[in-house]
C-alpha atoms as a PDB file:
ATOM      1  CA  ASN A   1      85.568 -34.229 264.119  1.00  0.00           C
ATOM      2  CA  TYR A   2      87.369 -37.568 263.931  1.00  0.00           C
ATOM      3  CA  SER A   3      85.099 -39.242 266.478  1.00  0.00           C
ATOM      4  CA  LYS A   4      82.036 -37.971 264.636  1.00  0.00           C
ATOM      5  CA  LEU A   5      83.368 -39.418 261.377  1.00  0.00           C
ATOM      6  CA  VAL A   6      84.027 -42.781 263.037  1.00  0.00           C
ATOM      7  CA  ARG A   7      80.523 -42.855 264.546  1.00  0.00           C
ATOM      8  CA  GLN A   8      79.020 -42.169 261.126  1.00  0.00           C
ATOM      9  CA  ALA A   9      81.148 -44.813 259.366  1.00  0.00           C
ATOM     10  CA  LEU A  10      80.781 -47.564 261.985  1.00  0.00           C
ATOM     11  CA  PRO A  11      77.266 -48.674 260.954  1.00  0.00           C
ATOM     12  CA  CYS A  12      78.547 -49.127 257.388  1.00  0.00           C
ATOM     13  CA  LEU A  13      81.476 -51.247 258.552  1.00  0.00           C
ATOM     14  CA  TRP A  14      79.585 -53.481 260.991  1.00  0.00           C
ATOM     15  CA  PRO A  15      76.685 -55.347 259.317  1.00  0.00           C
ATOM     16  CA  GLN A  16      73.196 -55.502 260.746  1.00  0.00           C
ATOM     17  CA  GLY A  17      71.954 -58.896 261.870  1.00  0.00           C
ATOM     18  CA  LEU A  18      73.461 -61.502 264.120  1.00  0.00           C
ATOM     19  CA  PHE A  19      74.098 -63.961 261.273  1.00  0.00           C
ATOM     20  CA  LEU A  20      76.269 -61.505 259.337  1.00  0.00           C
ATOM     21  CA  GLN A  21      78.058 -60.324 262.481  1.00  0.00           C
ATOM     22  CA  LEU A  22      78.892 -63.928 263.353  1.00  0.00           C
ATOM     23  CA  ARG A  23      80.307 -64.403 259.866  1.00  0.00           C
ATOM     24  CA  VAL A  24      82.551 -61.332 260.300  1.00  0.00           C
ATOM     25  CA  VAL A  25      83.830 -62.685 263.622  1.00  0.00           C
ATOM     26  CA  LEU A  26      84.485 -66.127 262.072  1.00  0.00           C
ATOM     27  CA  CYS A  27      86.341 -64.509 259.183  1.00  0.00           C
ATOM     28  CA  VAL A  28      88.548 -62.493 261.558  1.00  0.00           C
ATOM     29  CA  CYS A  29      89.264 -65.674 263.558  1.00  0.00           C
ATOM     30  CA  ALA A  30      90.219 -67.547 260.374  1.00  0.00           C
ATOM     31  CA  LEU A  31      92.520 -64.676 259.454  1.00  0.00           C
ATOM     32  CA  ALA A  32      94.168 -64.718 262.897  1.00  0.00           C
ATOM     33  CA  ILE A  33      94.673 -68.504 262.721  1.00  0.00           C
ATOM     34  CA  SER A  34      96.251 -68.193 259.287  1.00  0.00           C
ATOM     35  CA  ARG A  35      98.671 -65.549 260.579  1.00  0.00           C
ATOM     36  CA  MET A  36      99.675 -67.809 263.467  1.00  0.00           C
ATOM     37  CA  ALA A  37     100.121 -70.687 261.018  1.00  0.00           C
ATOM     38  CA  ASN A  38     102.379 -68.488 258.894  1.00  0.00           C
ATOM     39  CA  ILE A  39     104.608 -68.071 261.935  1.00  0.00           C
ATOM     40  CA  ALA A  40     104.420 -71.704 263.065  1.00  0.00           C
ATOM     41  CA  ILE A  41     105.150 -73.393 259.725  1.00  0.00           C
ATOM     42  CA  PRO A  42     108.851 -72.464 259.472  1.00  0.00           C
ATOM     43  CA  LEU A  43     109.380 -73.137 263.188  1.00  0.00           C
ATOM     44  CA  ILE A  44     107.914 -76.628 262.938  1.00  0.00           C
ATOM     45  CA  TYR A  45     109.924 -77.333 259.793  1.00  0.00           C
ATOM     46  CA  LYS A  46     113.122 -76.131 261.508  1.00  0.00           C
ATOM     47  CA  ARG A  47     112.507 -78.387 264.493  1.00  0.00           C
ATOM     48  CA  ALA A  48     111.934 -81.446 262.289  1.00  0.00           C
ATOM     49  CA  VAL A  49     115.109 -80.727 260.306  1.00  0.00           C
ATOM     50  CA  ASP A  50     117.092 -80.170 263.521  1.00  0.00           C
ATOM     51  CA  LEU A  51     115.899 -83.517 264.896  1.00  0.00           C
ATOM     52  CA  LEU A  52     116.908 -85.264 261.695  1.00  0.00           C
ATOM     53  CA  ALA A  53     120.317 -83.550 261.798  1.00  0.00           C
ATOM     54  CA  GLU A  54     120.845 -84.713 265.400  1.00  0.00           C
ATOM     55  CA  PHE A  55     119.994 -88.246 264.350  1.00  0.00           C
ATOM     56  CA  THR A  56     122.496 -88.229 261.494  1.00  0.00           C
ATOM     57  CA  LYS A  57     125.217 -86.693 263.702  1.00  0.00           C
ATOM     58  CA  GLU A  58     124.964 -89.651 266.061  1.00  0.00           C
ATOM     59  CA  GLY A  59     125.917 -91.898 263.166  1.00  0.00           C
ATOM     60  CA  THR A  60     123.871 -94.758 264.466  1.00  0.00           C
ATOM     61  CA  GLN A  61     121.838 -96.930 262.201  1.00  0.00           C
ATOM     62  CA  ARG A  62     118.732 -98.212 263.871  1.00  0.00           C
ATOM     63  CA  SER A  63     116.796-101.051 262.393  1.00  0.00           C
ATOM     64  CA  PHE A  64     113.311-101.790 263.611  1.00  0.00           C
ATOM     65  CA  SER A  65     110.085-103.171 262.282  1.00  0.00           C
ATOM     66  CA  PRO A  66     107.267-101.389 264.106  1.00  0.00           C
ATOM     67  CA  THR A  67     103.823-102.917 264.346  1.00  0.00           C
ATOM     68  CA  SER A  68     102.092 -99.713 265.490  1.00  0.00           C
ATOM     69  CA  PHE A  69     102.828 -96.018 265.984  1.00  0.00           C
ATOM     70  CA  SER A  70     103.333 -96.507 269.723  1.00  0.00           C
ATOM     71  CA  SER A  71     106.024 -99.117 269.079  1.00  0.00           C
ATOM     72  CA  LEU A  72     108.159 -96.655 267.107  1.00  0.00           C
ATOM     73  CA  PRO A  73     111.253 -95.241 268.816  1.00  0.00           C
ATOM     74  CA  PRO A  74     110.627 -91.868 270.522  1.00  0.00           C
ATOM     75  CA  PHE A  75     112.781 -90.077 267.951  1.00  0.00           C
ATOM     76  CA  THR A  76     110.718 -91.390 265.039  1.00  0.00           C
ATOM     77  CA  ARG A  77     107.428 -90.561 266.751  1.00  0.00           C
ATOM     78  CA  GLN A  78     108.610 -87.025 267.461  1.00  0.00           C
ATOM     79  CA  VAL A  79     109.747 -86.369 263.892  1.00  0.00           C
ATOM     80  CA  SER A  80     106.548 -87.923 262.548  1.00  0.00           C
ATOM     81  CA  CYS A  81     104.427 -85.608 264.695  1.00  0.00           C
ATOM     82  CA  TYR A  82     106.340 -82.555 263.467  1.00  0.00           C
ATOM     83  CA  ILE A  83     105.930 -83.636 259.853  1.00  0.00           C
ATOM     84  CA  VAL A  84     102.188 -84.260 260.306  1.00  0.00           C
ATOM     85  CA  ALA A  85     101.794 -80.825 261.948  1.00  0.00           C
ATOM     86  CA  TYR A  86     103.745 -79.213 259.109  1.00  0.00           C
ATOM     87  CA  VAL A  87     101.589 -80.867 256.431  1.00  0.00           C
ATOM     88  CA  ALA A  88      98.376 -79.996 258.290  1.00  0.00           C
ATOM     89  CA  LEU A  89      99.328 -76.327 258.591  1.00  0.00           C
ATOM     90  CA  LYS A  90     100.439 -76.126 254.958  1.00  0.00           C
ATOM     91  CA  SER A  91      97.133 -77.698 253.923  1.00  0.00           C
ATOM     92  CA  TYR A  92      95.209 -75.191 256.033  1.00  0.00           C
ATOM     93  CA  MET A  93      97.134 -72.337 254.434  1.00  0.00           C
ATOM     94  CA  GLY A  94      96.090 -73.607 251.028  1.00  0.00           C
ATOM     95  CA  LEU A  95      92.427 -73.720 252.034  1.00  0.00           C
ATOM     96  CA  GLN A  96      92.189 -70.670 254.273  1.00  0.00           C
ATOM     97  CA  THR A  97      91.648 -68.128 251.475  1.00  0.00           C
ATOM     98  CA  ASP A  98      88.772 -70.145 250.061  1.00  0.00           C
ATOM     99  CA  LEU A  99      87.353 -70.657 253.544  1.00  0.00           C
ATOM    100  CA  ARG A 100      87.551 -66.944 254.317  1.00  0.00           C
ATOM    101  CA  ASN A 101      85.887 -66.068 250.994  1.00  0.00           C
ATOM    102  CA  LEU A 102      83.146 -68.618 251.612  1.00  0.00           C
ATOM    103  CA  ILE A 103      82.410 -67.158 255.041  1.00  0.00           C
ATOM    104  CA  PHE A 104      82.658 -63.488 254.031  1.00  0.00           C
ATOM    105  CA  THR A 105      80.776 -63.501 250.700  1.00  0.00           C
ATOM    106  CA  PRO A 106      77.280 -62.933 252.208  1.00  0.00           C
ATOM    107  CA  VAL A 107      78.666 -60.020 254.260  1.00  0.00           C
ATOM    108  CA  ALA A 108      80.272 -58.433 251.203  1.00  0.00           C
ATOM    109  CA  GLN A 109      77.027 -58.784 249.227  1.00  0.00           C
ATOM    110  CA  HIS A 110      74.961 -57.152 251.963  1.00  0.00           C
END
């Protein structure tokens, strides 16, 4: 009985047409990426804070005047990369709902 019910409901759940099916797959991928970002955001933030804490524990004051990103000390480059990754993921999380709605709207209207 259960398998018969699933076979009857499956055509209603999976849209007809390659264009709509592709949109469903893209929407599921966007959802999976947002879930991974939800996990990665606090981990990246923790790592950046830990690096800054290590730097302050050393008690050293470094003075430098970099001319490019590659001339920065390794510590500064590493923290900068973590901060950029954090901001990028937070920005994606802000846009992902709108992106998912934009992709899925034609499927929902079908």
